[in-house]
Amino acid sequence: MNHYDVPRGIDVLRVFCGPDGRHGNALGVVRDGRGHPDEASRQRLARQLGFSETVFVDDPERGRVDIHAPGRRLPFAGHPLVGAAWLLDLEVLELAVGDVFARQDGEFTWITARPEWAPPRTLQQYATAEEVEALPAPPPGEGRLYAWAWEDEAAGRVRARAFPRRVDERGDSRSGGAGAFTGDTAEDEATGAAAMLLSAHLGRALNIAQGRGSQILTAPAPDGTVEVGGRVLMAARAEPRPAASEMTVTTR
């Protein structure tokens, strides 16, 4: 186990780091998805790791990946795809919803995707960045919330925070108070999908400061797609899995 306390064969990245290289959203990447061949085993690992998302690489040459959050499989998510594009250094990632195009530009990794692939959420504007910063984690209410305010509207600078506020299988809101939040992330440090939705909604490029100090850049295109970009850093490099000759087999 490394200092992130993850099993062998798993990289840990920080995606959408700030200009100082700090913060960003932690992401687990399983480079060889064959070790977890079905959804049940992938869910067990996603829950064990506890990251907001974990990516399983099913074909590193074609860029075929599978994204899991604890409790559910995701057809699309922003920060896992930015992280996977950086790690695999590919121009295309294959998802069931469609191909995601990627590029590297200096210190930033970019993906291009369609906003309709992102899970729906409420984009709630506040009058000032200070109001966004003062919100409890999570605020009362149900459903995913992306709270935002302009820091500098002319420059496209936004202050944002993201709250999953998921609903469990019983239909109870996990948002505090009645149907209290029990186990899921109270606040997402950096959410590329939400940033993509906001950029499409406003129809302009954005420079978003989210969470404690993460940075997300966006740029909508005339064809309806949106580019989402940010810095990615390796937080923990995967230790090689033991060779078959080194493994101990036990039987009951």
C-alpha atoms as a PDB file:
ATOM      1  CA  MET A   1       0.000   0.000   0.000  1.00  0.00           C
ATOM      2  CA  ASN A   2       1.270   3.513  -0.750  1.00  0.00           C
ATOM      3  CA  HIS A   3       0.719   6.681   1.289  1.00  0.00           C
ATOM      4  CA  TYR A   4      -2.757   7.065  -0.256  1.00  0.00           C
ATOM      5  CA  ASP A   5      -3.563   3.644   1.182  1.00  0.00           C
ATOM      6  CA  VAL A   6      -4.691   2.152  -2.113  1.00  0.00           C
ATOM      7  CA  PRO A   7      -4.010  -1.367  -3.424  1.00  0.00           C
ATOM      8  CA  ARG A   8      -1.269  -2.179  -5.919  1.00  0.00           C
ATOM      9  CA  GLY A   9      -1.890  -1.333  -9.556  1.00  0.00           C
ATOM     10  CA  ILE A  10      -3.816   1.894  -8.923  1.00  0.00           C
ATOM     11  CA  ASP A  11      -2.639   5.409  -9.750  1.00  0.00           C
ATOM     12  CA  VAL A  12      -3.987   8.355  -7.796  1.00  0.00           C
ATOM     13  CA  LEU A  13      -4.212  11.666  -9.647  1.00  0.00           C
ATOM     14  CA  ARG A  14      -5.252  15.149  -8.595  1.00  0.00           C
ATOM     15  CA  VAL A  15      -7.307  16.733 -11.357  1.00  0.00           C
ATOM     16  CA  PHE A  16      -8.012  20.475 -11.804  1.00  0.00           C
ATOM     17  CA  CYS A  17      -5.188  21.572  -9.511  1.00  0.00           C
ATOM     18  CA  GLY A  18      -4.794  25.262  -8.767  1.00  0.00           C
ATOM     19  CA  PRO A  19      -2.018  27.461 -10.188  1.00  0.00           C
ATOM     20  CA  ASP A  20       0.145  26.575  -7.173  1.00  0.00           C
ATOM     21  CA  GLY A  21      -0.225  22.848  -7.858  1.00  0.00           C
ATOM     22  CA  ARG A  22      -2.357  22.264  -4.786  1.00  0.00           C
ATOM     23  CA  HIS A  23      -5.880  20.908  -4.365  1.00  0.00           C
ATOM     24  CA  GLY A  24      -7.670  19.305  -7.314  1.00  0.00           C
ATOM     25  CA  ASN A  25     -10.065  16.367  -7.102  1.00  0.00           C
ATOM     26  CA  ALA A  26      -8.523  12.989  -6.253  1.00  0.00           C
ATOM     27  CA  LEU A  27      -9.056  10.251  -8.825  1.00  0.00           C
ATOM     28  CA  GLY A  28      -8.234   6.564  -8.732  1.00  0.00           C
ATOM     29  CA  VAL A  29      -7.177   4.983 -12.040  1.00  0.00           C
ATOM     30  CA  VAL A  30      -7.009   1.205 -12.492  1.00  0.00           C
ATOM     31  CA  ARG A  31      -4.706   0.839 -15.493  1.00  0.00           C
ATOM     32  CA  ASP A  32      -5.624  -2.794 -16.113  1.00  0.00           C
ATOM     33  CA  GLY A  33      -9.366  -3.215 -15.787  1.00  0.00           C
ATOM     34  CA  ARG A  34      -9.118  -6.964 -16.390  1.00  0.00           C
ATOM     35  CA  GLY A  35      -8.465  -7.460 -12.700  1.00  0.00           C
ATOM     36  CA  HIS A  36     -12.003  -6.220 -12.014  1.00  0.00           C
ATOM     37  CA  PRO A  37     -13.986  -7.734 -14.884  1.00  0.00           C
ATOM     38  CA  ASP A  38     -17.562  -7.084 -13.790  1.00  0.00           C
ATOM     39  CA  GLU A  39     -19.608  -4.251 -12.337  1.00  0.00           C
ATOM     40  CA  ALA A  40     -19.861  -5.849  -8.897  1.00  0.00           C
ATOM     41  CA  SER A  41     -16.086  -6.081  -8.460  1.00  0.00           C
ATOM     42  CA  ARG A  42     -15.625  -2.532  -9.739  1.00  0.00           C
ATOM     43  CA  GLN A  43     -18.187  -1.245  -7.318  1.00  0.00           C
ATOM     44  CA  ARG A  44     -16.451  -3.012  -4.440  1.00  0.00           C
ATOM     45  CA  LEU A  45     -13.178  -1.325  -5.323  1.00  0.00           C
ATOM     46  CA  ALA A  46     -14.795   2.091  -5.879  1.00  0.00           C
ATOM     47  CA  ARG A  47     -16.351   1.873  -2.426  1.00  0.00           C
ATOM     48  CA  GLN A  48     -13.072   0.692  -0.896  1.00  0.00           C
ATOM     49  CA  LEU A  49     -11.100   3.573  -2.405  1.00  0.00           C
ATOM     50  CA  GLY A  50     -13.724   6.153  -1.456  1.00  0.00           C
ATOM     51  CA  PHE A  51     -12.846   8.657  -4.199  1.00  0.00           C
ATOM     52  CA  SER A  52     -15.717  10.514  -5.839  1.00  0.00           C
ATOM     53  CA  GLU A  53     -14.866   8.530  -8.998  1.00  0.00           C
ATOM     54  CA  THR A  54     -12.567   5.698 -10.057  1.00  0.00           C
ATOM     55  CA  VAL A  55     -11.637   4.980 -13.693  1.00  0.00           C
ATOM     56  CA  PHE A  56     -11.064   1.450 -15.011  1.00  0.00           C
ATOM     57  CA  VAL A  57      -9.004   1.303 -18.198  1.00  0.00           C
ATOM     58  CA  ASP A  58     -10.365  -1.501 -20.372  1.00  0.00           C
ATOM     59  CA  ASP A  59      -8.273  -0.769 -23.477  1.00  0.00           C
ATOM     60  CA  PRO A  60      -5.326   1.624 -23.038  1.00  0.00           C
ATOM     61  CA  GLU A  61      -4.602   1.811 -26.777  1.00  0.00           C
ATOM     62  CA  ARG A  62      -8.138   2.669 -27.869  1.00  0.00           C
ATOM     63  CA  GLY A  63      -8.874   4.708 -24.761  1.00  0.00           C
ATOM     64  CA  ARG A  64     -11.838   2.626 -23.634  1.00  0.00           C
ATOM     65  CA  VAL A  65     -12.598   3.498 -20.023  1.00  0.00           C
ATOM     66  CA  ASP A  66     -15.312   2.812 -17.463  1.00  0.00           C
ATOM     67  CA  ILE A  67     -16.171   5.262 -14.662  1.00  0.00           C
ATOM     68  CA  HIS A  68     -17.529   4.249 -11.274  1.00  0.00           C
ATOM     69  CA  ALA A  69     -18.571   6.265  -8.255  1.00  0.00           C
ATOM     70  CA  PRO A  70     -19.302   4.497  -4.970  1.00  0.00           C
ATOM     71  CA  GLY A  71     -22.768   3.076  -5.513  1.00  0.00           C
ATOM     72  CA  ARG A  72     -23.183   3.633  -9.244  1.00  0.00           C
ATOM     73  CA  ARG A  73     -21.633   3.444 -12.706  1.00  0.00           C
ATOM     74  CA  LEU A  74     -21.383   6.761 -14.546  1.00  0.00           C
ATOM     75  CA  PRO A  75     -21.840   7.181 -18.314  1.00  0.00           C
ATOM     76  CA  PHE A  76     -19.839  10.426 -18.191  1.00  0.00           C
ATOM     77  CA  ALA A  77     -17.905  12.523 -15.681  1.00  0.00           C
ATOM     78  CA  GLY A  78     -15.530  15.423 -16.185  1.00  0.00           C
ATOM     79  CA  HIS A  79     -12.559  15.091 -13.875  1.00  0.00           C
ATOM     80  CA  PRO A  80     -12.110  11.320 -14.449  1.00  0.00           C
ATOM     81  CA  LEU A  81     -11.842  11.881 -18.206  1.00  0.00           C
ATOM     82  CA  VAL A  82      -9.441  14.808 -17.920  1.00  0.00           C
ATOM     83  CA  GLY A  83      -7.310  12.667 -15.607  1.00  0.00           C
ATOM     84  CA  ALA A  84      -7.463   9.604 -17.861  1.00  0.00           C
ATOM     85  CA  ALA A  85      -6.600  11.677 -20.953  1.00  0.00           C
ATOM     86  CA  TRP A  86      -3.523  13.048 -19.166  1.00  0.00           C
ATOM     87  CA  LEU A  87      -2.383   9.668 -17.861  1.00  0.00           C
ATOM     88  CA  LEU A  88      -2.933   7.695 -21.072  1.00  0.00           C
ATOM     89  CA  ASP A  89      -1.797  10.554 -23.361  1.00  0.00           C
ATOM     90  CA  LEU A  90      -4.480   9.798 -25.950  1.00  0.00           C
ATOM     91  CA  GLU A  91      -6.444  11.959 -28.354  1.00  0.00           C
ATOM     92  CA  VAL A  92      -9.703  10.010 -28.006  1.00  0.00           C
ATOM     93  CA  LEU A  93     -11.391   8.277 -25.075  1.00  0.00           C
ATOM     94  CA  GLU A  94     -14.157   5.772 -25.824  1.00  0.00           C
ATOM     95  CA  LEU A  95     -17.342   5.843 -23.737  1.00  0.00           C
ATOM     96  CA  ALA A  96     -20.722   4.248 -24.283  1.00  0.00           C
ATOM     97  CA  VAL A  97     -22.261   7.719 -24.779  1.00  0.00           C
ATOM     98  CA  GLY A  98     -19.736   8.653 -27.469  1.00  0.00           C
ATOM     99  CA  ASP A  99     -16.117   9.558 -28.124  1.00  0.00           C
ATOM    100  CA  VAL A 100     -14.455  12.222 -25.981  1.00  0.00           C
ATOM    101  CA  PHE A 101     -11.663  14.100 -27.736  1.00  0.00           C
ATOM    102  CA  ALA A 102      -8.621  15.180 -25.748  1.00  0.00           C
ATOM    103  CA  ARG A 103      -5.589  17.403 -26.218  1.00  0.00           C
ATOM    104  CA  GLN A 104      -2.622  18.671 -24.248  1.00  0.00           C
ATOM    105  CA  ASP A 105      -1.810  22.382 -24.193  1.00  0.00           C
ATOM    106  CA  GLY A 106       1.175  23.213 -22.009  1.00  0.00           C
ATOM    107  CA  GLU A 107       0.270  22.552 -18.388  1.00  0.00           C
ATOM    108  CA  PHE A 108      -3.414  21.974 -19.213  1.00  0.00           C
ATOM    109  CA  THR A 109      -5.221  18.846 -20.373  1.00  0.00           C
ATOM    110  CA  TRP A 110      -8.481  19.405 -22.266  1.00  0.00           C
ATOM    111  CA  ILE A 111     -11.412  17.192 -23.192  1.00  0.00           C
ATOM    112  CA  THR A 112     -14.283  18.001 -25.559  1.00  0.00           C
ATOM    113  CA  ALA A 113     -17.717  16.575 -24.798  1.00  0.00           C
ATOM    114  CA  ARG A 114     -21.428  17.265 -25.108  1.00  0.00           C
ATOM    115  CA  PRO A 115     -23.209  18.919 -22.153  1.00  0.00           C
ATOM    116  CA  GLU A 116     -26.189  16.586 -22.501  1.00  0.00           C
ATOM    117  CA  TRP A 117     -23.952  13.696 -21.433  1.00  0.00           C
ATOM    118  CA  ALA A 118     -23.489  15.262 -17.996  1.00  0.00           C
ATOM    119  CA  PRO A 119     -25.861  14.371 -15.142  1.00  0.00           C
ATOM    120  CA  PRO A 120     -28.425  17.140 -14.615  1.00  0.00           C
ATOM    121  CA  ARG A 121     -27.969  19.517 -11.709  1.00  0.00           C
ATOM    122  CA  THR A 122     -29.239  22.852 -10.466  1.00  0.00           C
ATOM    123  CA  LEU A 123     -27.054  25.797 -11.489  1.00  0.00           C
ATOM    124  CA  GLN A 124     -27.834  28.371  -8.808  1.00  0.00           C
ATOM    125  CA  GLN A 125     -26.373  31.850  -9.108  1.00  0.00           C
ATOM    126  CA  TYR A 126     -25.581  33.925  -6.011  1.00  0.00           C
ATOM    127  CA  ALA A 127     -25.029  37.652  -5.849  1.00  0.00           C
ATOM    128  CA  THR A 128     -21.444  37.488  -4.593  1.00  0.00           C
ATOM    129  CA  ALA A 129     -18.570  35.063  -4.255  1.00  0.00           C
ATOM    130  CA  GLU A 130     -18.733  35.603  -0.492  1.00  0.00           C
ATOM    131  CA  GLU A 131     -22.252  34.164  -0.425  1.00  0.00           C
ATOM    132  CA  VAL A 132     -21.038  31.049  -2.219  1.00  0.00           C
ATOM    133  CA  GLU A 133     -18.150  30.638   0.215  1.00  0.00           C
ATOM    134  CA  ALA A 134     -20.503  30.995   3.200  1.00  0.00           C
ATOM    135  CA  LEU A 135     -22.768  28.098   2.170  1.00  0.00           C
ATOM    136  CA  PRO A 136     -22.893  25.078   4.507  1.00  0.00           C
ATOM    137  CA  ALA A 137     -21.729  21.741   3.122  1.00  0.00           C
ATOM    138  CA  PRO A 138     -24.162  20.609   1.941  1.00  0.00           C
ATOM    139  CA  PRO A 139     -26.875  23.293   1.782  1.00  0.00           C
ATOM    140  CA  PRO A 140     -30.470  22.188   2.507  1.00  0.00           C
ATOM    141  CA  GLY A 141     -32.380  20.741  -0.418  1.00  0.00           C
ATOM    142  CA  GLU A 142     -32.343  17.781  -2.770  1.00  0.00           C
ATOM    143  CA  GLY A 143     -30.418  16.954  -5.926  1.00  0.00           C
ATOM    144  CA  ARG A 144     -27.049  18.046  -7.264  1.00  0.00           C
ATOM    145  CA  LEU A 145     -26.337  21.738  -6.738  1.00  0.00           C
ATOM    146  CA  TYR A 146     -23.706  23.875  -8.455  1.00  0.00           C
ATOM    147  CA  ALA A 147     -23.587  27.167  -6.577  1.00  0.00           C
ATOM    148  CA  TRP A 148     -21.787  29.962  -8.389  1.00  0.00           C
ATOM    149  CA  ALA A 149     -21.224  33.701  -8.533  1.00  0.00           C
ATOM    150  CA  TRP A 150     -19.226  36.065 -10.695  1.00  0.00           C
ATOM    151  CA  GLU A 151     -15.873  37.166  -9.352  1.00  0.00           C
ATOM    152  CA  ASP A 152     -15.227  39.203 -12.499  1.00  0.00           C
ATOM    153  CA  GLU A 153     -17.979  38.889 -15.111  1.00  0.00           C
ATOM    154  CA  ALA A 154     -16.101  40.792 -17.811  1.00  0.00           C
ATOM    155  CA  ALA A 155     -13.138  38.430 -17.467  1.00  0.00           C
ATOM    156  CA  GLY A 156     -15.300  35.294 -17.151  1.00  0.00           C
ATOM    157  CA  ARG A 157     -14.012  34.505 -13.658  1.00  0.00           C
ATOM    158  CA  VAL A 158     -16.392  32.464 -11.494  1.00  0.00           C
ATOM    159  CA  ARG A 159     -16.404  31.268  -7.876  1.00  0.00           C
ATOM    160  CA  ALA A 160     -18.207  27.939  -7.537  1.00  0.00           C
ATOM    161  CA  ARG A 161     -18.911  25.072  -5.158  1.00  0.00           C
ATOM    162  CA  ALA A 162     -20.536  21.715  -5.969  1.00  0.00           C
ATOM    163  CA  PHE A 163     -22.734  19.660  -3.648  1.00  0.00           C
ATOM    164  CA  PRO A 164     -23.874  16.152  -4.695  1.00  0.00           C
ATOM    165  CA  ARG A 165     -26.870  16.029  -2.293  1.00  0.00           C
ATOM    166  CA  ARG A 166     -27.696  12.629  -3.706  1.00  0.00           C
ATOM    167  CA  VAL A 167     -30.926  10.739  -3.113  1.00  0.00           C
ATOM    168  CA  ASP A 168     -30.533   7.223  -1.786  1.00  0.00           C
ATOM    169  CA  GLU A 169     -32.403   4.127  -2.951  1.00  0.00           C
ATOM    170  CA  ARG A 170     -35.258   4.829  -0.528  1.00  0.00           C
ATOM    171  CA  GLY A 171     -35.763   8.250  -2.051  1.00  0.00           C
ATOM    172  CA  ASP A 172     -34.409  10.039   1.015  1.00  0.00           C
ATOM    173  CA  SER A 173     -32.398  13.188   0.464  1.00  0.00           C
ATOM    174  CA  ARG A 174     -28.837  12.959   1.772  1.00  0.00           C
ATOM    175  CA  SER A 175     -28.580  16.694   2.348  1.00  0.00           C
ATOM    176  CA  GLY A 176     -28.647  17.205   6.101  1.00  0.00           C
ATOM    177  CA  GLY A 177     -31.550  17.294   8.533  1.00  0.00           C
ATOM    178  CA  ALA A 178     -34.329  14.880   7.615  1.00  0.00           C
ATOM    179  CA  GLY A 179     -32.908  12.165   5.380  1.00  0.00           C
ATOM    180  CA  ALA A 180     -29.432  13.194   6.491  1.00  0.00           C
ATOM    181  CA  PHE A 181     -26.351  12.878   4.351  1.00  0.00           C
ATOM    182  CA  THR A 182     -24.829   9.501   5.162  1.00  0.00           C
ATOM    183  CA  GLY A 183     -21.562   8.532   3.577  1.00  0.00           C
ATOM    184  CA  ASP A 184     -21.316  10.270   0.199  1.00  0.00           C
ATOM    185  CA  THR A 185     -19.099  13.278  -0.424  1.00  0.00           C
ATOM    186  CA  ALA A 186     -20.661  16.396   1.103  1.00  0.00           C
ATOM    187  CA  GLU A 187     -18.879  18.670  -1.366  1.00  0.00           C
ATOM    188  CA  ASP A 188     -16.992  17.961  -4.581  1.00  0.00           C
ATOM    189  CA  GLU A 189     -13.653  19.738  -4.812  1.00  0.00           C
ATOM    190  CA  ALA A 190     -13.711  20.082  -8.609  1.00  0.00           C
ATOM    191  CA  THR A 191     -16.432  18.980 -11.035  1.00  0.00           C
ATOM    192  CA  GLY A 192     -15.740  19.200 -14.745  1.00  0.00           C
ATOM    193  CA  ALA A 193     -19.250  18.118 -15.768  1.00  0.00           C
ATOM    194  CA  ALA A 194     -20.876  20.899 -13.747  1.00  0.00           C
ATOM    195  CA  ALA A 195     -18.414  23.438 -15.148  1.00  0.00           C
ATOM    196  CA  MET A 196     -19.281  22.240 -18.648  1.00  0.00           C
ATOM    197  CA  LEU A 197     -23.007  22.714 -17.988  1.00  0.00           C
ATOM    198  CA  LEU A 198     -22.462  26.221 -16.631  1.00  0.00           C
ATOM    199  CA  SER A 199     -20.318  27.194 -19.619  1.00  0.00           C
ATOM    200  CA  ALA A 200     -22.980  25.907 -22.027  1.00  0.00           C
ATOM    201  CA  HIS A 201     -25.715  27.711 -20.071  1.00  0.00           C
ATOM    202  CA  LEU A 202     -23.865  31.034 -20.158  1.00  0.00           C
ATOM    203  CA  GLY A 203     -22.513  30.515 -23.672  1.00  0.00           C
ATOM    204  CA  ARG A 204     -19.023  31.704 -22.852  1.00  0.00           C
ATOM    205  CA  ALA A 205     -15.575  30.611 -21.764  1.00  0.00           C
ATOM    206  CA  LEU A 206     -15.048  30.499 -18.011  1.00  0.00           C
ATOM    207  CA  ASN A 207     -12.198  30.448 -15.513  1.00  0.00           C
ATOM    208  CA  ILE A 208     -13.692  28.756 -12.446  1.00  0.00           C
ATOM    209  CA  ALA A 209     -12.241  28.707  -8.953  1.00  0.00           C
ATOM    210  CA  GLN A 210     -13.937  25.808  -7.172  1.00  0.00           C
ATOM    211  CA  GLY A 211     -13.658  24.191  -3.779  1.00  0.00           C
ATOM    212  CA  ARG A 212     -10.652  25.037  -1.631  1.00  0.00           C
ATOM    213  CA  GLY A 213      -8.438  26.127  -4.507  1.00  0.00           C
ATOM    214  CA  SER A 214      -9.030  24.133  -7.693  1.00  0.00           C
ATOM    215  CA  GLN A 215      -9.153  25.698 -11.167  1.00  0.00           C
ATOM    216  CA  ILE A 216     -11.306  24.628 -14.124  1.00  0.00           C
ATOM    217  CA  LEU A 217     -11.247  26.234 -17.564  1.00  0.00           C
ATOM    218  CA  THR A 218     -14.061  25.901 -20.116  1.00  0.00           C
ATOM    219  CA  ALA A 219     -14.687  26.964 -23.709  1.00  0.00           C
ATOM    220  CA  PRO A 220     -17.962  26.329 -25.593  1.00  0.00           C
ATOM    221  CA  ALA A 221     -17.808  25.615 -29.322  1.00  0.00           C
ATOM    222  CA  PRO A 222     -20.288  26.510 -32.110  1.00  0.00           C
ATOM    223  CA  ASP A 223     -21.268  22.841 -32.570  1.00  0.00           C
ATOM    224  CA  GLY A 224     -22.660  22.664 -29.031  1.00  0.00           C
ATOM    225  CA  THR A 225     -19.714  20.860 -27.477  1.00  0.00           C
ATOM    226  CA  VAL A 226     -17.728  22.312 -24.595  1.00  0.00           C
ATOM    227  CA  GLU A 227     -14.028  21.995 -23.856  1.00  0.00           C
ATOM    228  CA  VAL A 228     -13.072  21.499 -20.212  1.00  0.00           C
ATOM    229  CA  GLY A 229      -9.461  21.762 -19.107  1.00  0.00           C
ATOM    230  CA  GLY A 230      -7.210  21.807 -16.100  1.00  0.00           C
ATOM    231  CA  ARG A 231      -3.938  20.747 -14.544  1.00  0.00           C
ATOM    232  CA  VAL A 232      -3.350  17.114 -13.565  1.00  0.00           C
ATOM    233  CA  LEU A 233      -0.675  15.906 -11.150  1.00  0.00           C
ATOM    234  CA  MET A 234       0.341  12.410 -10.072  1.00  0.00           C
ATOM    235  CA  ALA A 235      -0.376  12.037  -6.363  1.00  0.00           C
ATOM    236  CA  ALA A 236       0.565   8.361  -6.030  1.00  0.00           C
ATOM    237  CA  ARG A 237       2.036   6.154  -8.744  1.00  0.00           C
ATOM    238  CA  ALA A 238       0.786   2.602  -9.031  1.00  0.00           C
ATOM    239  CA  GLU A 239       3.003  -0.056  -7.522  1.00  0.00           C
ATOM    240  CA  PRO A 240       3.374  -3.018  -9.888  1.00  0.00           C
ATOM    241  CA  ARG A 241       1.143  -5.975  -9.179  1.00  0.00           C
ATOM    242  CA  PRO A 242       3.081  -9.030  -7.957  1.00  0.00           C
ATOM    243  CA  ALA A 243       3.997 -11.619 -10.563  1.00  0.00           C
ATOM    244  CA  ALA A 244       2.133 -14.909 -10.487  1.00  0.00           C
ATOM    245  CA  SER A 245       5.241 -16.644  -9.115  1.00  0.00           C
ATOM    246  CA  GLU A 246       5.285 -14.239  -6.167  1.00  0.00           C
ATOM    247  CA  MET A 247       1.644 -14.721  -5.215  1.00  0.00           C
ATOM    248  CA  THR A 248       0.592 -17.015  -2.411  1.00  0.00           C
ATOM    249  CA  VAL A 249      -2.425 -19.189  -3.133  1.00  0.00           C
ATOM    250  CA  THR A 250      -4.498 -20.422  -0.247  1.00  0.00           C
ATOM    251  CA  THR A 251      -7.400 -22.830  -0.290  1.00  0.00           C
ATOM    252  CA  ARG A 252     -10.166 -23.342   2.172  1.00  0.00           C
END
